[in-house]
Amino acid sequence: MIELVGADMTKRASQAVYEAAGLWPRDIGVVELHDCFAHNELITYEGLGLCGEGEASRFIADGDNTYGGRVVTNPSGGLLSKGHPLGATGLAQCYELTHQLRGSAEARQVNGVRHGLQHNLGLGGACVVTLYEKVDA
């Protein structure tokens, strides 16, 4: 069942991104992830390497997934807050991460963020993980 919700695809895709960028999950300050169902958020924390396998509930209980924690997740409110608009989901995530890196996210702003990660998946068949980096002008 875990493969059905994209855990393995998420792990492979994120590892490839981290390796190509020379970064680790601990370098990511903000994540927009595909939280199409509540349990997917937990599975995705582990797949992205934000916490160890079986540690997602502790990751949340410790507040490591929000402001003041290790990484702010879905400051936009995530997919469910938007009604999960198919097709527009990825664009909304890109929009949020761009504002985060530009420092223009207003009340949602994650202070000092240099790297953002976008995770999107189509159940059972596709997973995209994209890394964003702040470039100083």
C-alpha atoms as a PDB file:
ATOM      1  CA  MET A   1       0.000   0.000   0.000  1.00  0.00           C
ATOM      2  CA  ILE A   2       2.812   2.440   0.755  1.00  0.00           C
ATOM      3  CA  GLU A   3       3.867   2.397  -2.908  1.00  0.00           C
ATOM      4  CA  LEU A   4       0.319   3.317  -3.916  1.00  0.00           C
ATOM      5  CA  VAL A   5       0.613   6.679  -2.169  1.00  0.00           C
ATOM      6  CA  GLY A   6       3.964   7.480  -3.771  1.00  0.00           C
ATOM      7  CA  ALA A   7       6.385   6.954  -0.886  1.00  0.00           C
ATOM      8  CA  ASP A   8       9.016   5.168  -2.959  1.00  0.00           C
ATOM      9  CA  MET A   9       8.706   7.616  -5.856  1.00  0.00           C
ATOM     10  CA  THR A  10       9.050  10.518  -3.435  1.00  0.00           C
ATOM     11  CA  LYS A  11      12.163   9.034  -1.858  1.00  0.00           C
ATOM     12  CA  ARG A  12      13.864   8.367  -5.204  1.00  0.00           C
ATOM     13  CA  ALA A  13      12.966  11.771  -6.664  1.00  0.00           C
ATOM     14  CA  SER A  14      14.032  13.751  -3.598  1.00  0.00           C
ATOM     15  CA  GLN A  15      17.311  11.859  -3.251  1.00  0.00           C
ATOM     16  CA  ALA A  16      18.122  12.645  -6.889  1.00  0.00           C
ATOM     17  CA  VAL A  17      17.377  16.344  -6.320  1.00  0.00           C
ATOM     18  CA  TYR A  18      19.455  16.556  -3.137  1.00  0.00           C
ATOM     19  CA  GLU A  19      22.363  14.782  -4.817  1.00  0.00           C
ATOM     20  CA  ALA A  20      22.261  16.981  -7.935  1.00  0.00           C
ATOM     21  CA  ALA A  21      22.152  20.153  -5.809  1.00  0.00           C
ATOM     22  CA  GLY A  22      24.714  19.017  -3.255  1.00  0.00           C
ATOM     23  CA  LEU A  23      22.221  19.632  -0.440  1.00  0.00           C
ATOM     24  CA  TRP A  24      20.667  17.650   2.381  1.00  0.00           C
ATOM     25  CA  PRO A  25      17.080  17.686   3.645  1.00  0.00           C
ATOM     26  CA  ARG A  26      18.294  19.763   6.622  1.00  0.00           C
ATOM     27  CA  ASP A  27      19.203  22.559   4.161  1.00  0.00           C
ATOM     28  CA  ILE A  28      15.567  23.066   3.152  1.00  0.00           C
ATOM     29  CA  GLY A  29      13.727  25.870   4.954  1.00  0.00           C
ATOM     30  CA  VAL A  30      10.287  25.625   3.395  1.00  0.00           C
ATOM     31  CA  VAL A  31       8.376  22.855   1.631  1.00  0.00           C
ATOM     32  CA  GLU A  32       5.179  22.857  -0.372  1.00  0.00           C
ATOM     33  CA  LEU A  33       4.164  19.210  -0.454  1.00  0.00           C
ATOM     34  CA  HIS A  34       1.311  17.252  -1.978  1.00  0.00           C
ATOM     35  CA  ASP A  35      -1.007  16.768   1.007  1.00  0.00           C
ATOM     36  CA  CYS A  36      -3.954  15.453  -0.997  1.00  0.00           C
ATOM     37  CA  PHE A  37      -4.957  13.336   2.007  1.00  0.00           C
ATOM     38  CA  ALA A  38      -3.946  13.816   5.638  1.00  0.00           C
ATOM     39  CA  HIS A  39      -1.912  10.592   5.753  1.00  0.00           C
ATOM     40  CA  ASN A  40       0.008  11.594   2.612  1.00  0.00           C
ATOM     41  CA  GLU A  41       1.564  14.492   4.500  1.00  0.00           C
ATOM     42  CA  LEU A  42       3.071  12.119   7.062  1.00  0.00           C
ATOM     43  CA  ILE A  43       4.305   9.669   4.442  1.00  0.00           C
ATOM     44  CA  THR A  44       5.826  12.518   2.436  1.00  0.00           C
ATOM     45  CA  TYR A  45       7.815  13.871   5.405  1.00  0.00           C
ATOM     46  CA  GLU A  46       9.566  10.533   5.555  1.00  0.00           C
ATOM     47  CA  GLY A  47       9.919  10.175   1.772  1.00  0.00           C
ATOM     48  CA  LEU A  48      11.526  13.620   1.475  1.00  0.00           C
ATOM     49  CA  GLY A  49      13.965  12.722   4.245  1.00  0.00           C
ATOM     50  CA  LEU A  50      12.696  15.463   6.546  1.00  0.00           C
ATOM     51  CA  CYS A  51      12.485  12.824   9.265  1.00  0.00           C
ATOM     52  CA  GLY A  52      13.365   9.161   9.537  1.00  0.00           C
ATOM     53  CA  GLU A  53      11.103   6.297   8.598  1.00  0.00           C
ATOM     54  CA  GLY A  54       8.391   5.872  11.212  1.00  0.00           C
ATOM     55  CA  GLU A  55       9.179   9.275  12.773  1.00  0.00           C
ATOM     56  CA  ALA A  56       6.558  11.498  11.077  1.00  0.00           C
ATOM     57  CA  SER A  57       4.194  11.596  14.048  1.00  0.00           C
ATOM     58  CA  ARG A  58       7.049  12.702  16.342  1.00  0.00           C
ATOM     59  CA  PHE A  59       8.167  15.239  13.694  1.00  0.00           C
ATOM     60  CA  ILE A  60       4.711  16.822  13.918  1.00  0.00           C
ATOM     61  CA  ALA A  61       4.345  16.482  17.697  1.00  0.00           C
ATOM     62  CA  ASP A  62       7.683  18.260  18.163  1.00  0.00           C
ATOM     63  CA  GLY A  63       6.558  21.108  15.894  1.00  0.00           C
ATOM     64  CA  ASP A  64       9.360  20.431  13.427  1.00  0.00           C
ATOM     65  CA  ASN A  65       6.980  20.932  10.484  1.00  0.00           C
ATOM     66  CA  THR A  66       6.004  24.522  11.225  1.00  0.00           C
ATOM     67  CA  TYR A  67       7.290  27.987  12.099  1.00  0.00           C
ATOM     68  CA  GLY A  68      10.028  27.723  14.719  1.00  0.00           C
ATOM     69  CA  GLY A  69      10.668  24.076  13.808  1.00  0.00           C
ATOM     70  CA  ARG A  70      13.112  22.472  11.392  1.00  0.00           C
ATOM     71  CA  VAL A  71      11.182  23.173   8.174  1.00  0.00           C
ATOM     72  CA  VAL A  72       7.981  25.074   7.495  1.00  0.00           C
ATOM     73  CA  THR A  73       5.577  22.900   5.557  1.00  0.00           C
ATOM     74  CA  ASN A  74       2.804  24.257   3.349  1.00  0.00           C
ATOM     75  CA  PRO A  75       2.755  27.861   4.547  1.00  0.00           C
ATOM     76  CA  SER A  76       0.182  28.408   1.791  1.00  0.00           C
ATOM     77  CA  GLY A  77      -2.207  26.096   3.612  1.00  0.00           C
ATOM     78  CA  GLY A  78      -1.536  23.159   1.310  1.00  0.00           C
ATOM     79  CA  LEU A  79      -3.703  21.510  -1.292  1.00  0.00           C
ATOM     80  CA  LEU A  80      -6.681  20.812   0.915  1.00  0.00           C
ATOM     81  CA  SER A  81      -7.017  24.489   1.886  1.00  0.00           C
ATOM     82  CA  LYS A  82      -7.392  25.338  -1.803  1.00  0.00           C
ATOM     83  CA  GLY A  83      -9.794  22.553  -2.679  1.00  0.00           C
ATOM     84  CA  HIS A  84      -7.000  20.575  -4.402  1.00  0.00           C
ATOM     85  CA  PRO A  85      -7.413  22.125  -7.850  1.00  0.00           C
ATOM     86  CA  LEU A  86      -6.200  19.455 -10.254  1.00  0.00           C
ATOM     87  CA  GLY A  87      -3.698  20.879 -12.695  1.00  0.00           C
ATOM     88  CA  ALA A  88      -3.282  24.116 -10.754  1.00  0.00           C
ATOM     89  CA  THR A  89      -1.764  22.451  -7.704  1.00  0.00           C
ATOM     90  CA  GLY A  90       1.828  22.641  -8.950  1.00  0.00           C
ATOM     91  CA  LEU A  91       1.436  26.241 -10.055  1.00  0.00           C
ATOM     92  CA  ALA A  92       0.119  27.242  -6.634  1.00  0.00           C
ATOM     93  CA  GLN A  93       3.096  25.555  -4.960  1.00  0.00           C
ATOM     94  CA  CYS A  94       5.524  27.305  -7.306  1.00  0.00           C
ATOM     95  CA  TYR A  95       3.835  30.643  -6.610  1.00  0.00           C
ATOM     96  CA  GLU A  96       4.186  30.180  -2.853  1.00  0.00           C
ATOM     97  CA  LEU A  97       7.822  29.109  -2.948  1.00  0.00           C
ATOM     98  CA  THR A  98       8.735  31.981  -5.267  1.00  0.00           C
ATOM     99  CA  HIS A  99       7.218  34.453  -2.822  1.00  0.00           C
ATOM    100  CA  GLN A 100       9.002  32.762   0.082  1.00  0.00           C
ATOM    101  CA  LEU A 101      12.402  33.081  -1.590  1.00  0.00           C
ATOM    102  CA  ARG A 102      11.749  36.677  -2.653  1.00  0.00           C
ATOM    103  CA  GLY A 103      10.713  37.588   0.888  1.00  0.00           C
ATOM    104  CA  SER A 104       7.278  38.747  -0.256  1.00  0.00           C
ATOM    105  CA  ALA A 105       5.079  36.123   1.423  1.00  0.00           C
ATOM    106  CA  GLU A 106       3.809  38.636   4.012  1.00  0.00           C
ATOM    107  CA  ALA A 107       2.288  36.936   7.092  1.00  0.00           C
ATOM    108  CA  ARG A 108       3.300  33.494   5.755  1.00  0.00           C
ATOM    109  CA  GLN A 109       6.966  34.471   5.352  1.00  0.00           C
ATOM    110  CA  VAL A 110       9.580  32.006   6.564  1.00  0.00           C
ATOM    111  CA  ASN A 111      12.478  34.138   7.783  1.00  0.00           C
ATOM    112  CA  GLY A 112      15.924  33.507   6.353  1.00  0.00           C
ATOM    113  CA  VAL A 113      14.820  30.874   3.851  1.00  0.00           C
ATOM    114  CA  ARG A 114      17.372  30.101   1.111  1.00  0.00           C
ATOM    115  CA  HIS A 115      16.035  26.806  -0.263  1.00  0.00           C
ATOM    116  CA  GLY A 116      12.501  25.632  -0.908  1.00  0.00           C
ATOM    117  CA  LEU A 117      11.286  22.260  -2.069  1.00  0.00           C
ATOM    118  CA  GLN A 118       8.188  21.448  -4.095  1.00  0.00           C
ATOM    119  CA  HIS A 119       6.686  17.959  -4.068  1.00  0.00           C
ATOM    120  CA  ASN A 120       3.844  16.927  -6.309  1.00  0.00           C
ATOM    121  CA  LEU A 121       2.546  13.519  -7.262  1.00  0.00           C
ATOM    122  CA  GLY A 122      -0.055  11.693  -9.271  1.00  0.00           C
ATOM    123  CA  LEU A 123      -1.106   8.675  -7.266  1.00  0.00           C
ATOM    124  CA  GLY A 124       0.475   5.517  -8.527  1.00  0.00           C
ATOM    125  CA  GLY A 125       2.455   6.916 -11.415  1.00  0.00           C
ATOM    126  CA  ALA A 126       4.222  10.261 -11.229  1.00  0.00           C
ATOM    127  CA  CYS A 127       6.259  12.240  -8.732  1.00  0.00           C
ATOM    128  CA  VAL A 128       8.000  15.574  -9.214  1.00  0.00           C
ATOM    129  CA  VAL A 129      10.355  17.134  -6.679  1.00  0.00           C
ATOM    130  CA  THR A 130      11.744  20.560  -7.533  1.00  0.00           C
ATOM    131  CA  LEU A 131      14.329  22.543  -5.611  1.00  0.00           C
ATOM    132  CA  TYR A 132      14.222  26.344  -5.501  1.00  0.00           C
ATOM    133  CA  GLU A 133      17.179  28.442  -4.409  1.00  0.00           C
ATOM    134  CA  LYS A 134      17.324  32.089  -3.467  1.00  0.00           C
ATOM    135  CA  VAL A 135      19.730  33.983  -5.683  1.00  0.00           C
ATOM    136  CA  ASP A 136      21.129  37.211  -4.297  1.00  0.00           C
ATOM    137  CA  ALA A 137      20.927  40.045  -6.807  1.00  0.00           C
END
